Amino acid sequence: MDAYCFKCRAKKEIKGAQPVTLKNGRPATQGTCAVCGTKLYRIGKA
């Protein structure tokens, strides 16, 4: 799964992706950028 990395300024692969639920109940995917290690979030079902 890909997400936009603000540090790399490009779409990158999510490393160690885990499904999470946000405070408002929406599903999301959390992980780290495979290139720079920045935290990435992708809102919506995986």
N, C-alpha and C. Protein backbone atom coordinates (compact mmCIF):
# COMPACT_ATOMS: atom_id res chain seq x y z
N MET A 1 0.85 -1.17 0.00
CA MET A 1 0.00 0.00 0.00
C MET A 1 0.89 1.24 0.00
N ASP A 2 0.48 2.26 -0.72
CA ASP A 2 1.24 3.50 -0.83
C ASP A 2 0.55 4.62 -0.07
N ALA A 3 1.35 5.58 0.40
CA ALA A 3 0.84 6.78 1.05
C ALA A 3 1.79 7.92 0.70
N TYR A 4 1.32 9.16 0.80
CA TYR A 4 2.15 10.31 0.48
C TYR A 4 3.06 10.63 1.65
N CYS A 5 4.36 10.69 1.38
CA CYS A 5 5.34 11.04 2.40
C CYS A 5 5.67 12.53 2.24
N PHE A 6 5.44 13.31 3.30
CA PHE A 6 5.67 14.74 3.23
C PHE A 6 7.16 15.09 3.24
N LYS A 7 7.97 14.21 3.79
CA LYS A 7 9.41 14.46 3.82
C LYS A 7 10.04 14.19 2.44
N CYS A 8 9.64 13.08 1.82
CA CYS A 8 10.15 12.73 0.48
C CYS A 8 9.41 13.48 -0.63
N ARG A 9 8.23 13.99 -0.31
CA ARG A 9 7.36 14.69 -1.27
C ARG A 9 6.99 13.81 -2.46
N ALA A 10 6.65 12.56 -2.14
CA ALA A 10 6.24 11.61 -3.17
C ALA A 10 5.48 10.47 -2.51
N LYS A 11 4.75 9.68 -3.34
CA LYS A 11 4.08 8.50 -2.81
C LYS A 11 5.11 7.41 -2.61
N LYS A 12 5.11 6.83 -1.41
CA LYS A 12 6.07 5.79 -1.06
C LYS A 12 5.34 4.60 -0.46
N GLU A 13 6.00 3.46 -0.48
CA GLU A 13 5.47 2.22 0.10
C GLU A 13 5.44 2.34 1.62
N ILE A 14 4.36 1.86 2.25
CA ILE A 14 4.25 1.85 3.71
C ILE A 14 4.92 0.58 4.23
N LYS A 15 5.91 0.76 5.10
CA LYS A 15 6.64 -0.35 5.70
C LYS A 15 6.05 -0.64 7.08
N GLY A 16 5.75 -1.88 7.38
CA GLY A 16 5.18 -2.25 8.67
C GLY A 16 3.77 -1.73 8.84
N ALA A 17 2.96 -1.82 7.80
CA ALA A 17 1.60 -1.29 7.81
C ALA A 17 0.72 -2.05 8.81
N GLN A 18 -0.03 -1.29 9.61
CA GLN A 18 -0.96 -1.87 10.58
C GLN A 18 -2.29 -1.15 10.50
N PRO A 19 -3.40 -1.88 10.50
CA PRO A 19 -4.71 -1.21 10.52
C PRO A 19 -4.98 -0.57 11.88
N VAL A 20 -5.46 0.66 11.89
CA VAL A 20 -5.79 1.37 13.12
C VAL A 20 -7.15 2.03 12.95
N THR A 21 -7.73 2.45 14.08
CA THR A 21 -8.98 3.19 14.06
C THR A 21 -8.72 4.57 14.65
N LEU A 22 -9.09 5.61 13.92
CA LEU A 22 -8.89 6.97 14.39
C LEU A 22 -9.90 7.30 15.49
N LYS A 23 -9.68 8.43 16.18
CA LYS A 23 -10.57 8.84 17.29
C LYS A 23 -12.03 8.95 16.86
N ASN A 24 -12.27 9.39 15.62
CA ASN A 24 -13.63 9.56 15.15
C ASN A 24 -14.24 8.27 14.60
N GLY A 25 -13.51 7.16 14.72
CA GLY A 25 -14.05 5.86 14.32
C GLY A 25 -13.72 5.45 12.89
N ARG A 26 -13.05 6.30 12.13
CA ARG A 26 -12.71 5.96 10.75
C ARG A 26 -11.52 5.00 10.71
N PRO A 27 -11.54 4.04 9.77
CA PRO A 27 -10.40 3.13 9.64
C PRO A 27 -9.23 3.82 8.93
N ALA A 28 -8.01 3.42 9.27
CA ALA A 28 -6.81 3.96 8.64
C ALA A 28 -5.70 2.92 8.69
N THR A 29 -4.63 3.20 7.97
CA THR A 29 -3.45 2.35 7.98
C THR A 29 -2.27 3.20 8.43
N GLN A 30 -1.49 2.68 9.38
CA GLN A 30 -0.35 3.41 9.92
C GLN A 30 0.91 2.59 9.67
N GLY A 31 2.00 3.29 9.36
CA GLY A 31 3.28 2.62 9.15
C GLY A 31 4.38 3.65 9.00
N THR A 32 5.50 3.24 8.42
CA THR A 32 6.61 4.16 8.21
C THR A 32 7.01 4.15 6.74
N CYS A 33 7.63 5.23 6.31
CA CYS A 33 8.13 5.35 4.95
C CYS A 33 9.30 4.38 4.77
N ALA A 34 9.29 3.64 3.67
CA ALA A 34 10.35 2.67 3.41
C ALA A 34 11.68 3.35 3.10
N VAL A 35 11.66 4.63 2.72
CA VAL A 35 12.88 5.34 2.34
C VAL A 35 13.48 6.11 3.52
N CYS A 36 12.66 7.00 4.16
CA CYS A 36 13.22 7.90 5.18
C CYS A 36 12.80 7.56 6.61
N GLY A 37 11.80 6.70 6.80
CA GLY A 37 11.39 6.29 8.14
C GLY A 37 10.36 7.19 8.80
N THR A 38 9.81 8.18 8.09
CA THR A 38 8.79 9.07 8.63
C THR A 38 7.48 8.30 8.81
N LYS A 39 6.70 8.65 9.85
CA LYS A 39 5.40 8.01 10.06
C LYS A 39 4.44 8.39 8.95
N LEU A 40 3.73 7.37 8.42
CA LEU A 40 2.75 7.59 7.35
C LEU A 40 1.39 7.10 7.80
N TYR A 41 0.35 7.81 7.37
CA TYR A 41 -1.02 7.41 7.61
C TYR A 41 -1.76 7.43 6.30
N ARG A 42 -2.63 6.46 6.11
CA ARG A 42 -3.52 6.43 4.94
C ARG A 42 -4.92 6.19 5.47
N ILE A 43 -5.79 7.17 5.31
CA ILE A 43 -7.16 7.07 5.83
C ILE A 43 -8.00 6.27 4.83
N GLY A 44 -8.82 5.38 5.36
CA GLY A 44 -9.67 4.53 4.55
C GLY A 44 -9.30 3.07 4.76
N LYS A 45 -10.18 2.20 4.27
CA LYS A 45 -9.94 0.76 4.42
C LYS A 45 -8.71 0.32 3.66
N ALA A 46 -8.03 -0.67 4.19
CA ALA A 46 -6.79 -1.18 3.57
C ALA A 46 -7.10 -2.06 2.38
